[in-house]
Amino acid sequence: MHRSRYRKNHVKDNALSTIQNQFMAAAIGETVIQLIEHGKRVTTGNIIDLLERKRQALQGEKADELREILIFIRKKSVL
């Protein structure tokens, strides 16, 4: 019984993770496109800067999602 309960929770975690990954990919992709359109270099630092500015302009759930993306990028990057 413990295993089946774990599997159900694991599936829910994976579904949530997939949604978060899709949002993160879209947000980073849009940011990269904006940097290219403005003739700026696509670097981790520039992506973080632009996402941070977007986050500050937003409120609520979208701002929280961007904050999570920024935390993820900062953890995975060596700046």
Protein backbone atom coordinates (compact mmCIF):
# COMPACT_ATOMS: atom_id res chain seq x y z
CA MET A 1 0.00 0.00 0.00
CA HIS A 2 2.83 2.38 0.77
CA ARG A 3 4.26 1.87 -2.72
CA SER A 4 1.00 2.67 -4.50
CA ARG A 5 0.64 5.85 -2.47
CA TYR A 6 4.21 6.78 -3.41
CA ARG A 7 3.51 6.17 -7.08
CA LYS A 8 0.45 8.43 -7.03
CA ASN A 9 2.42 11.24 -5.39
CA HIS A 10 5.33 10.66 -7.74
CA VAL A 11 3.05 11.00 -10.78
CA LYS A 12 1.60 14.24 -9.40
CA ASP A 13 5.11 15.57 -8.81
CA ASN A 14 6.10 14.69 -12.37
CA ALA A 15 3.03 16.41 -13.82
CA LEU A 16 3.71 19.55 -11.82
CA SER A 17 7.36 19.42 -12.83
CA THR A 18 6.38 19.14 -16.50
CA ILE A 19 4.16 22.22 -16.25
CA GLN A 20 6.93 24.14 -14.48
CA ASN A 21 9.46 23.04 -17.09
CA GLN A 22 7.18 24.16 -19.93
CA PHE A 23 6.72 27.59 -18.34
CA MET A 24 10.45 27.87 -17.68
CA ALA A 25 11.33 26.92 -21.26
CA ALA A 26 8.85 29.45 -22.65
CA ALA A 27 10.06 32.25 -20.37
CA ILE A 28 13.74 31.62 -21.14
CA GLY A 29 13.01 31.25 -24.86
CA GLU A 30 11.16 34.57 -24.96
CA THR A 31 14.01 36.21 -23.08
CA VAL A 32 16.62 34.85 -25.50
CA ILE A 33 14.57 36.12 -28.46
CA GLN A 34 14.32 39.57 -26.87
CA LEU A 35 18.07 39.69 -26.30
CA ILE A 36 18.76 38.72 -29.92
CA GLU A 37 16.23 41.24 -31.25
CA HIS A 38 17.95 43.99 -29.25
CA GLY A 39 21.40 42.97 -30.48
CA LYS A 40 22.59 41.86 -27.05
CA ARG A 41 24.70 38.85 -26.26
CA VAL A 42 22.83 35.82 -24.99
CA THR A 43 24.61 35.12 -21.71
CA THR A 44 23.39 33.69 -18.46
CA GLY A 45 23.87 37.08 -16.83
CA ASN A 46 21.82 38.89 -19.48
CA ILE A 47 19.05 36.28 -19.26
CA ILE A 48 18.95 36.66 -15.47
CA ASP A 49 18.92 40.47 -15.70
CA LEU A 50 16.03 40.53 -18.17
CA LEU A 51 14.01 37.91 -16.26
CA GLU A 52 14.57 39.87 -13.04
CA ARG A 53 13.22 43.03 -14.68
CA LYS A 54 10.19 41.11 -15.97
CA ARG A 55 9.60 39.63 -12.50
CA GLN A 56 9.67 43.04 -10.86
CA ALA A 57 7.04 44.30 -13.32
CA LEU A 58 4.70 41.40 -12.54
CA GLN A 59 2.64 40.46 -9.51
CA GLY A 60 1.11 37.30 -8.17
CA GLU A 61 1.60 33.82 -9.57
CA LYS A 62 3.57 34.81 -12.68
CA ALA A 63 6.05 36.78 -10.57
CA ASP A 64 6.42 33.76 -8.26
CA GLU A 65 7.03 31.48 -11.25
CA LEU A 66 9.71 33.80 -12.61
CA ARG A 67 11.30 33.95 -9.15
CA GLU A 68 11.49 30.14 -9.14
CA ILE A 69 13.11 30.18 -12.59
CA LEU A 70 15.68 32.71 -11.39
CA ILE A 71 16.47 30.59 -8.34
CA PHE A 72 16.90 27.52 -10.58
CA ILE A 73 19.19 29.32 -13.03
CA ARG A 74 21.31 30.79 -10.25
CA LYS A 75 21.69 27.37 -8.59
CA LYS A 76 22.74 25.71 -11.84
CA SER A 77 25.02 28.50 -13.05
CA VAL A 78 28.43 29.61 -11.95
CA LEU A 79 28.40 33.37 -12.31
